[in-house]
PDB file of N, CA and C in Angstrom:
ATOM      1  N   UNK A   1      -5.353  11.145   8.548  1.00  0.00           N
ATOM      2  CA  UNK A   1      -6.317  11.660   7.601  1.00  0.00           C
ATOM      3  C   UNK A   1      -7.672  11.877   8.285  1.00  0.00           C
ATOM      4  N   UNK A   2      -8.051  10.979   9.170  1.00  0.00           N
ATOM      5  CA  UNK A   2      -9.361  11.084   9.814  1.00  0.00           C
ATOM      6  C   UNK A   2      -9.474  12.366  10.638  1.00  0.00           C
ATOM      7  N   UNK A   3      -8.438  12.691  11.375  1.00  0.00           N
ATOM      8  CA  UNK A   3      -8.508  13.887  12.217  1.00  0.00           C
ATOM      9  C   UNK A   3      -8.663  15.139  11.355  1.00  0.00           C
ATOM     10  N   UNK A   4      -7.956  15.192  10.226  1.00  0.00           N
ATOM     11  CA  UNK A   4      -8.057  16.353   9.343  1.00  0.00           C
ATOM     12  C   UNK A   4      -9.477  16.494   8.797  1.00  0.00           C
ATOM     13  N   UNK A   5     -10.040  15.396   8.326  1.00  0.00           N
ATOM     14  CA  UNK A   5     -11.404  15.431   7.787  1.00  0.00           C
ATOM     15  C   UNK A   5     -12.387  15.818   8.884  1.00  0.00           C
ATOM     16  N   UNK A   6     -12.226  15.210  10.038  1.00  0.00           N
ATOM     17  CA  UNK A   6     -13.134  15.495  11.163  1.00  0.00           C
ATOM     18  C   UNK A   6     -13.080  16.968  11.543  1.00  0.00           C
ATOM     19  N   UNK A   7     -11.867  17.514  11.611  1.00  0.00           N
ATOM     20  CA  UNK A   7     -11.714  18.918  11.987  1.00  0.00           C
ATOM     21  C   UNK A   7     -12.257  19.838  10.886  1.00  0.00           C
ATOM     22  N   UNK A   8     -11.968  19.509   9.625  1.00  0.00           N
ATOM     23  CA  UNK A   8     -12.461  20.323   8.505  1.00  0.00           C
ATOM     24  C   UNK A   8     -13.982  20.379   8.478  1.00  0.00           C
ATOM     25  N   UNK A   9     -14.608  19.284   8.886  1.00  0.00           N
ATOM     26  CA  UNK A   9     -16.070  19.219   8.867  1.00  0.00           C
ATOM     27  C   UNK A   9     -16.687  19.613  10.210  1.00  0.00           C
ATOM     28  N   UNK A  10     -15.841  20.022  11.141  1.00  0.00           N
ATOM     29  CA  UNK A  10     -16.288  20.439  12.474  1.00  0.00           C
ATOM     30  C   UNK A  10     -17.119  19.363  13.164  1.00  0.00           C
ATOM     31  N   UNK A  11     -16.620  18.128  13.080  1.00  0.00           N
ATOM     32  CA  UNK A  11     -17.276  17.006  13.755  1.00  0.00           C
ATOM     33  C   UNK A  11     -16.476  16.715  15.016  1.00  0.00           C
ATOM     34  N   UNK A  12     -17.150  16.677  16.139  1.00  0.00           N
ATOM     35  CA  UNK A  12     -16.454  16.414  17.400  1.00  0.00           C
ATOM     36  C   UNK A  12     -16.082  14.932  17.490  1.00  0.00           C
ATOM     37  N   UNK A  13     -15.129  14.633  18.342  1.00  0.00           N
ATOM     38  CA  UNK A  13     -14.732  13.250  18.572  1.00  0.00           C
ATOM     39  C   UNK A  13     -15.909  12.455  19.126  1.00  0.00           C
ATOM     40  N   UNK A  14     -16.689  13.086  19.996  1.00  0.00           N
ATOM     41  CA  UNK A  14     -17.864  12.421  20.571  1.00  0.00           C
ATOM     42  C   UNK A  14     -18.887  12.085  19.489  1.00  0.00           C
ATOM     43  N   UNK A  15     -19.101  13.016  18.566  1.00  0.00           N
ATOM     44  CA  UNK A  15     -20.056  12.788  17.488  1.00  0.00           C
ATOM     45  C   UNK A  15     -19.588  11.649  16.582  1.00  0.00           C
ATOM     46  N   UNK A  16     -18.302  11.630  16.250  1.00  0.00           N
ATOM     47  CA  UNK A  16     -17.777  10.557  15.417  1.00  0.00           C
ATOM     48  C   UNK A  16     -17.880   9.219  16.138  1.00  0.00           C
ATOM     49  N   UNK A  17     -17.650   9.233  17.431  1.00  0.00           N
ATOM     50  CA  UNK A  17     -17.795   8.004  18.224  1.00  0.00           C
ATOM     51  C   UNK A  17     -19.224   7.473  18.139  1.00  0.00           C
ATOM     52  N   UNK A  18     -20.193   8.361  18.259  1.00  0.00           N
ATOM     53  CA  UNK A  18     -21.610   7.940  18.152  1.00  0.00           C
ATOM     54  C   UNK A  18     -21.913   7.384  16.767  1.00  0.00           C
ATOM     55  N   UNK A  19     -21.426   8.079  15.736  1.00  0.00           N
ATOM     56  CA  UNK A  19     -21.701   7.683  14.350  1.00  0.00           C
ATOM     57  C   UNK A  19     -21.061   6.341  13.978  1.00  0.00           C
ATOM     58  N   UNK A  20     -19.884   6.075  14.524  1.00  0.00           N
ATOM     59  CA  UNK A  20     -19.159   4.850  14.163  1.00  0.00           C
ATOM     60  C   UNK A  20     -19.387   3.701  15.136  1.00  0.00           C
ATOM     61  N   UNK A  21     -19.876   4.015  16.332  1.00  0.00           N
ATOM     62  CA  UNK A  21     -20.039   2.977  17.339  1.00  0.00           C
ATOM     63  C   UNK A  21     -18.718   2.557  17.955  1.00  0.00           C
ATOM     64  N   UNK A  22     -17.734   3.422  17.845  1.00  0.00           N
ATOM     65  CA  UNK A  22     -16.405   3.143  18.390  1.00  0.00           C
ATOM     66  C   UNK A  22     -16.150   4.107  19.539  1.00  0.00           C
ATOM     67  N   UNK A  23     -15.573   3.589  20.611  1.00  0.00           N
ATOM     68  CA  UNK A  23     -15.328   4.399  21.803  1.00  0.00           C
ATOM     69  C   UNK A  23     -14.479   5.626  21.481  1.00  0.00           C
ATOM     70  N   UNK A  24     -14.820   6.721  22.124  1.00  0.00           N
ATOM     71  CA  UNK A  24     -14.107   7.986  21.938  1.00  0.00           C
ATOM     72  C   UNK A  24     -12.616   7.815  22.230  1.00  0.00           C
ATOM     73  N   UNK A  25     -12.284   7.073  23.273  1.00  0.00           N
ATOM     74  CA  UNK A  25     -10.876   6.858  23.631  1.00  0.00           C
ATOM     75  C   UNK A  25     -10.136   6.093  22.530  1.00  0.00           C
ATOM     76  N   UNK A  26     -10.825   5.150  21.899  1.00  0.00           N
ATOM     77  CA  UNK A  26     -10.224   4.387  20.803  1.00  0.00           C
ATOM     78  C   UNK A  26      -9.995   5.293  19.599  1.00  0.00           C
ATOM     79  N   UNK A  27     -10.983   6.126  19.292  1.00  0.00           N
ATOM     80  CA  UNK A  27     -10.832   7.075  18.185  1.00  0.00           C
ATOM     81  C   UNK A  27      -9.653   8.006  18.431  1.00  0.00           C
ATOM     82  N   UNK A  28      -9.517   8.457  19.634  1.00  0.00           N
ATOM     83  CA  UNK A  28      -8.417   9.342  19.989  1.00  0.00           C
ATOM     84  C   UNK A  28      -7.073   8.652  19.743  1.00  0.00           C
ATOM     85  N   UNK A  29      -6.994   7.382  20.061  1.00  0.00           N
ATOM     86  CA  UNK A  29      -5.754   6.621  19.837  1.00  0.00           C
ATOM     87  C   UNK A  29      -5.474   6.442  18.344  1.00  0.00           C
ATOM     88  N   UNK A  30      -6.526   6.272  17.540  1.00  0.00           N
ATOM     89  CA  UNK A  30      -6.335   6.186  16.086  1.00  0.00           C
ATOM     90  C   UNK A  30      -5.773   7.508  15.569  1.00  0.00           C
ATOM     91  N   UNK A  31      -6.367   8.598  16.020  1.00  0.00           N
ATOM     92  CA  UNK A  31      -5.949   9.921  15.544  1.00  0.00           C
ATOM     93  C   UNK A  31      -4.525  10.271  15.968  1.00  0.00           C
ATOM     94  N   UNK A  32      -4.145   9.845  17.145  1.00  0.00           N
ATOM     95  CA  UNK A  32      -2.794  10.148  17.637  1.00  0.00           C
ATOM     96  C   UNK A  32      -1.781   9.080  17.214  1.00  0.00           C
ATOM     97  N   UNK A  33      -2.261   8.100  16.440  1.00  0.00           N
ATOM     98  CA  UNK A  33      -1.434   7.009  15.925  1.00  0.00           C
ATOM     99  C   UNK A  33      -0.839   6.129  17.024  1.00  0.00           C
ATOM    100  N   UNK A  34      -1.501   6.108  18.169  1.00  0.00           N
ATOM    101  CA  UNK A  34      -1.096   5.199  19.238  1.00  0.00           C
ATOM    102  C   UNK A  34      -1.683   3.809  19.007  1.00  0.00           C
ATOM    103  N   UNK A  35      -2.649   3.753  18.112  1.00  0.00           N
ATOM    104  CA  UNK A  35      -3.298   2.493  17.764  1.00  0.00           C
ATOM    105  C   UNK A  35      -3.474   2.473  16.243  1.00  0.00           C
ATOM    106  N   UNK A  36      -3.271   1.330  15.651  1.00  0.00           N
ATOM    107  CA  UNK A  36      -3.374   1.188  14.203  1.00  0.00           C
ATOM    108  C   UNK A  36      -4.821   1.312  13.756  1.00  0.00           C
ATOM    109  N   UNK A  37      -5.026   2.103  12.720  1.00  0.00           N
ATOM    110  CA  UNK A  37      -6.364   2.279  12.155  1.00  0.00           C
ATOM    111  C   UNK A  37      -6.859   0.949  11.603  1.00  0.00           C
ATOM    112  N   UNK A  38      -8.093   0.554  11.950  1.00  0.00           N
ATOM    113  CA  UNK A  38      -8.623  -0.737  11.506  1.00  0.00           C
ATOM    114  C   UNK A  38      -9.164  -0.663  10.073  1.00  0.00           C
ATOM    115  N   UNK A  39      -8.466  -1.256   9.144  1.00  0.00           N
ATOM    116  CA  UNK A  39      -8.890  -1.210   7.751  1.00  0.00           C
ATOM    117  C   UNK A  39     -10.255  -1.854   7.549  1.00  0.00           C
ATOM    118  N   UNK A  40     -10.609  -2.794   8.408  1.00  0.00           N
ATOM    119  CA  UNK A  40     -11.921  -3.440   8.262  1.00  0.00           C
ATOM    120  C   UNK A  40     -13.071  -2.519   8.686  1.00  0.00           C
ATOM    121  N   UNK A  41     -12.752  -1.359   9.223  1.00  0.00           N
ATOM    122  CA  UNK A  41     -13.783  -0.393   9.634  1.00  0.00           C
ATOM    123  C   UNK A  41     -13.802   0.853   8.749  1.00  0.00           C
ATOM    124  N   UNK A  42     -13.004   0.857   7.684  1.00  0.00           N
ATOM    125  CA  UNK A  42     -12.881   2.061   6.866  1.00  0.00           C
ATOM    126  C   UNK A  42     -14.220   2.472   6.256  1.00  0.00           C
ATOM    127  N   UNK A  43     -15.063   1.528   5.904  1.00  0.00           N
ATOM    128  CA  UNK A  43     -16.367   1.874   5.325  1.00  0.00           C
ATOM    129  C   UNK A  43     -17.264   2.556   6.354  1.00  0.00           C
ATOM    130  N   UNK A  44     -17.158   2.153   7.606  1.00  0.00           N
ATOM    131  CA  UNK A  44     -17.930   2.779   8.682  1.00  0.00           C
ATOM    132  C   UNK A  44     -17.507   4.237   8.829  1.00  0.00           C
ATOM    133  N   UNK A  45     -16.204   4.476   8.796  1.00  0.00           N
ATOM    134  CA  UNK A  45     -15.687   5.841   8.902  1.00  0.00           C
ATOM    135  C   UNK A  45     -16.066   6.663   7.677  1.00  0.00           C
ATOM    136  N   UNK A  46     -15.966   6.057   6.505  1.00  0.00           N
ATOM    137  CA  UNK A  46     -16.315   6.765   5.276  1.00  0.00           C
ATOM    138  C   UNK A  46     -17.764   7.239   5.312  1.00  0.00           C
ATOM    139  N   UNK A  47     -18.642   6.381   5.769  1.00  0.00           N
ATOM    140  CA  UNK A  47     -20.060   6.759   5.863  1.00  0.00           C
ATOM    141  C   UNK A  47     -20.267   7.851   6.910  1.00  0.00           C
ATOM    142  N   UNK A  48     -19.651   7.684   8.059  1.00  0.00           N
ATOM    143  CA  UNK A  48     -19.818   8.663   9.142  1.00  0.00           C
ATOM    144  C   UNK A  48     -19.267  10.036   8.759  1.00  0.00           C
ATOM    145  N   UNK A  49     -18.189  10.049   7.986  1.00  0.00           N
ATOM    146  CA  UNK A  49     -17.554  11.314   7.593  1.00  0.00           C
ATOM    147  C   UNK A  49     -18.015  11.793   6.221  1.00  0.00           C
ATOM    148  N   UNK A  50     -18.876  11.027   5.581  1.00  0.00           N
ATOM    149  CA  UNK A  50     -19.388  11.353   4.246  1.00  0.00           C
ATOM    150  C   UNK A  50     -18.237  11.572   3.262  1.00  0.00           C
ATOM    151  N   UNK A  51     -17.346  10.591   3.229  1.00  0.00           N
ATOM    152  CA  UNK A  51     -16.176  10.645   2.346  1.00  0.00           C
ATOM    153  C   UNK A  51     -16.036   9.319   1.612  1.00  0.00           C
ATOM    154  N   UNK A  52     -15.272   9.343   0.560  1.00  0.00           N
ATOM    155  CA  UNK A  52     -14.970   8.146  -0.213  1.00  0.00           C
ATOM    156  C   UNK A  52     -13.920   7.315   0.525  1.00  0.00           C
ATOM    157  N   UNK A  53     -14.059   6.007   0.486  1.00  0.00           N
ATOM    158  CA  UNK A  53     -13.113   5.113   1.154  1.00  0.00           C
ATOM    159  C   UNK A  53     -11.694   5.356   0.639  1.00  0.00           C
ATOM    160  N   UNK A  54     -11.540   5.502  -0.659  1.00  0.00           N
ATOM    161  CA  UNK A  54     -10.211   5.731  -1.240  1.00  0.00           C
ATOM    162  C   UNK A  54      -9.565   6.992  -0.668  1.00  0.00           C
ATOM    163  N   UNK A  55     -10.373   8.022  -0.496  1.00  0.00           N
ATOM    164  CA  UNK A  55      -9.850   9.277   0.052  1.00  0.00           C
ATOM    165  C   UNK A  55      -9.389   9.079   1.500  1.00  0.00           C
ATOM    166  N   UNK A  56     -10.177   8.358   2.279  1.00  0.00           N
ATOM    167  CA  UNK A  56      -9.797   8.097   3.672  1.00  0.00           C
ATOM    168  C   UNK A  56      -8.485   7.336   3.769  1.00  0.00           C
ATOM    169  N   UNK A  57      -8.272   6.450   2.835  1.00  0.00           N
ATOM    170  CA  UNK A  57      -7.047   5.654   2.849  1.00  0.00           C
ATOM    171  C   UNK A  57      -5.867   6.371   2.201  1.00  0.00           C
ATOM    172  N   UNK A  58      -6.140   7.555   1.651  1.00  0.00           N
ATOM    173  CA  UNK A  58      -5.076   8.317   1.022  1.00  0.00           C
ATOM    174  C   UNK A  58      -4.665   7.755  -0.324  1.00  0.00           C
ATOM    175  N   UNK A  59      -5.594   7.076  -0.981  1.00  0.00           N
ATOM    176  CA  UNK A  59      -5.294   6.473  -2.277  1.00  0.00           C
ATOM    177  C   UNK A  59      -5.784   7.344  -3.417  1.00  0.00           C
ATOM    178  N   UNK A  60      -4.994   7.425  -4.427  1.00  0.00           N
ATOM    179  CA  UNK A  60      -5.424   8.066  -5.661  1.00  0.00           C
ATOM    180  C   UNK A  60      -4.683   7.399  -6.802  1.00  0.00           C
ATOM    181  N   UNK A  61      -5.282   7.383  -7.959  1.00  0.00           N
ATOM    182  CA  UNK A  61      -4.731   6.621  -9.072  1.00  0.00           C
ATOM    183  C   UNK A  61      -3.366   7.130  -9.528  1.00  0.00           C
ATOM    184  N   UNK A  62      -3.150   8.453  -9.507  1.00  0.00           N
ATOM    185  CA  UNK A  62      -1.852   8.952  -9.969  1.00  0.00           C
ATOM    186  C   UNK A  62      -0.727   8.516  -9.051  1.00  0.00           C
ATOM    187  N   UNK A  63      -1.016   8.423  -7.756  1.00  0.00           N
ATOM    188  CA  UNK A  63       0.019   7.991  -6.814  1.00  0.00           C
ATOM    189  C   UNK A  63       0.347   6.518  -7.030  1.00  0.00           C
ATOM    190  N   UNK A  64      -0.679   5.708  -7.218  1.00  0.00           N
ATOM    191  CA  UNK A  64      -0.479   4.280  -7.442  1.00  0.00           C
ATOM    192  C   UNK A  64       0.269   4.061  -8.751  1.00  0.00           C
ATOM    193  N   UNK A  65      -0.095   4.800  -9.783  1.00  0.00           N
ATOM    194  CA  UNK A  65       0.593   4.695 -11.070  1.00  0.00           C
ATOM    195  C   UNK A  65       2.066   5.067 -10.918  1.00  0.00           C
ATOM    196  N   UNK A  66       2.328   6.129 -10.175  1.00  0.00           N
ATOM    197  CA  UNK A  66       3.705   6.552  -9.943  1.00  0.00           C
ATOM    198  C   UNK A  66       4.524   5.493  -9.231  1.00  0.00           C
ATOM    199  N   UNK A  67       3.934   4.860  -8.239  1.00  0.00           N
ATOM    200  CA  UNK A  67       4.622   3.783  -7.522  1.00  0.00           C
ATOM    201  C   UNK A  67       4.867   2.592  -8.443  1.00  0.00           C
ATOM    202  N   UNK A  68       3.859   2.241  -9.229  1.00  0.00           N
ATOM    203  CA  UNK A  68       3.980   1.127 -10.165  1.00  0.00           C
ATOM    204  C   UNK A  68       5.122   1.373 -11.143  1.00  0.00           C
ATOM    205  N   UNK A  69       5.227   2.578 -11.651  1.00  0.00           N
ATOM    206  CA  UNK A  69       6.259   2.901 -12.641  1.00  0.00           C
ATOM    207  C   UNK A  69       7.670   2.782 -12.070  1.00  0.00           C
ATOM    208  N   UNK A  70       7.818   2.858 -10.760  1.00  0.00           N
ATOM    209  CA  UNK A  70       9.138   2.735 -10.133  1.00  0.00           C
ATOM    210  C   UNK A  70       9.593   1.277 -10.002  1.00  0.00           C
ATOM    211  N   UNK A  71       8.649   0.342 -10.180  1.00  0.00           N
ATOM    212  CA  UNK A  71       8.975  -1.074 -10.034  1.00  0.00           C
ATOM    213  C   UNK A  71       9.742  -1.600 -11.239  1.00  0.00           C
ATOM    214  N   UNK A  72      10.595  -2.609 -10.979  1.00  0.00           N
ATOM    215  CA  UNK A  72      11.242  -3.279 -12.103  1.00  0.00           C
ATOM    216  C   UNK A  72      10.234  -4.235 -12.745  1.00  0.00           C
ATOM    217  N   UNK A  73      10.598  -4.847 -13.853  1.00  0.00           N
ATOM    218  CA  UNK A  73       9.663  -5.681 -14.622  1.00  0.00           C
ATOM    219  C   UNK A  73       9.102  -6.828 -13.789  1.00  0.00           C
ATOM    220  N   UNK A  74       9.937  -7.501 -13.031  1.00  0.00           N
ATOM    221  CA  UNK A  74       9.484  -8.637 -12.215  1.00  0.00           C
ATOM    222  C   UNK A  74       8.479  -8.170 -11.170  1.00  0.00           C
ATOM    223  N   UNK A  75       8.766  -7.075 -10.507  1.00  0.00           N
ATOM    224  CA  UNK A  75       7.862  -6.587  -9.465  1.00  0.00           C
ATOM    225  C   UNK A  75       6.580  -5.993 -10.045  1.00  0.00           C
ATOM    226  N   UNK A  76       6.636  -5.466 -11.261  1.00  0.00           N
ATOM    227  CA  UNK A  76       5.399  -5.028 -11.921  1.00  0.00           C
ATOM    228  C   UNK A  76       4.487  -6.228 -12.145  1.00  0.00           C
ATOM    229  N   UNK A  77       5.067  -7.325 -12.560  1.00  0.00           N
ATOM    230  CA  UNK A  77       4.281  -8.556 -12.748  1.00  0.00           C
ATOM    231  C   UNK A  77       3.685  -9.009 -11.413  1.00  0.00           C
ATOM    232  N   UNK A  78       4.503  -8.998 -10.360  1.00  0.00           N
ATOM    233  CA  UNK A  78       4.018  -9.405  -9.036  1.00  0.00           C
ATOM    234  C   UNK A  78       2.881  -8.493  -8.558  1.00  0.00           C
ATOM    235  N   UNK A  79       3.037  -7.192  -8.801  1.00  0.00           N
ATOM    236  CA  UNK A  79       1.996  -6.237  -8.397  1.00  0.00           C
ATOM    237  C   UNK A  79       0.699  -6.535  -9.136  1.00  0.00           C
ATOM    238  N   UNK A  80       0.795  -6.792 -10.427  1.00  0.00           N
ATOM    239  CA  UNK A  80      -0.392  -7.110 -11.237  1.00  0.00           C
ATOM    240  C   UNK A  80      -1.060  -8.375 -10.724  1.00  0.00           C
ATOM    241  N   UNK A  81      -0.270  -9.399 -10.430  1.00  0.00           N
ATOM    242  CA  UNK A  81      -0.816 -10.659  -9.912  1.00  0.00           C
ATOM    243  C   UNK A  81      -1.494 -10.450  -8.558  1.00  0.00           C
ATOM    244  N   UNK A  82      -0.865  -9.657  -7.704  1.00  0.00           N
ATOM    245  CA  UNK A  82      -1.443  -9.397  -6.387  1.00  0.00           C
ATOM    246  C   UNK A  82      -2.746  -8.624  -6.493  1.00  0.00           C
ATOM    247  N   UNK A  83      -2.774  -7.633  -7.361  1.00  0.00           N
ATOM    248  CA  UNK A  83      -4.013  -6.874  -7.561  1.00  0.00           C
ATOM    249  C   UNK A  83      -5.128  -7.774  -8.072  1.00  0.00           C
ATOM    250  N   UNK A  84      -4.807  -8.679  -8.980  1.00  0.00           N
ATOM    251  CA  UNK A  84      -5.803  -9.615  -9.491  1.00  0.00           C
ATOM    252  C   UNK A  84      -6.309 -10.517  -8.368  1.00  0.00           C
ATOM    253  N   UNK A  85      -5.394 -10.945  -7.514  1.00  0.00           N
ATOM    254  CA  UNK A  85      -5.755 -11.774  -6.360  1.00  0.00           C
ATOM    255  C   UNK A  85      -6.730 -11.028  -5.442  1.00  0.00           C
ATOM    256  N   UNK A  86      -6.445  -9.756  -5.175  1.00  0.00           N
ATOM    257  CA  UNK A  86      -7.327  -8.946  -4.322  1.00  0.00           C
ATOM    258  C   UNK A  86      -8.707  -8.776  -4.953  1.00  0.00           C
ATOM    259  N   UNK A  87      -8.729  -8.570  -6.262  1.00  0.00           N
ATOM    260  CA  UNK A  87     -10.000  -8.417  -6.954  1.00  0.00           C
ATOM    261  C   UNK A  87     -10.810  -9.703  -6.880  1.00  0.00           C
ATOM    262  N   UNK A  88     -10.157 -10.836  -7.068  1.00  0.00           N
ATOM    263  CA  UNK A  88     -10.848 -12.120  -6.982  1.00  0.00           C
ATOM    264  C   UNK A  88     -11.395 -12.371  -5.583  1.00  0.00           C
ATOM    265  N   UNK A  89     -10.623 -12.031  -4.555  1.00  0.00           N
ATOM    266  CA  UNK A  89     -11.087 -12.170  -3.164  1.00  0.00           C
ATOM    267  C   UNK A  89     -12.307 -11.287  -2.905  1.00  0.00           C
ATOM    268  N   UNK A  90     -12.269 -10.103  -3.447  1.00  0.00           N
ATOM    269  CA  UNK A  90     -13.320  -9.120  -3.247  1.00  0.00           C
ATOM    270  C   UNK A  90     -14.641  -9.594  -3.844  1.00  0.00           C
ATOM    271  N   UNK A  91     -14.560 -10.252  -4.976  1.00  0.00           N
ATOM    272  CA  UNK A  91     -15.767 -10.712  -5.658  1.00  0.00           C
ATOM    273  C   UNK A  91     -16.269 -11.955  -4.998  1.00  0.00           C
TER     274      UNK A  91
END
C-alpha cells in the first residue's frame, strides 16, 4: 500500500526516507515485502504521506464487518472480546 500511495503522490523514496527518519534501503525492503512493515511506525508513515492510518493498513469498516459476519457464534464472541481488550490497552 505504501508504494502505491508514494507513487500516486509522486514522492520519491529518498523524500519518504527523510520524512520518516527511516533508511531508504529499509523503506525499499518494506515496499518489496522483503521486510515486514513495522506497525509501530504506521503513524509516522501516515503523517509523512498525509494519509489516514486506517487507509495505510488497508482497513475499512465494510471489510471488517464482512469478515465478522463469516464467523460462527463462538468466534464472534471471541472477536468482540479481543476488540474490547485492544480498546482497553489503547486507553
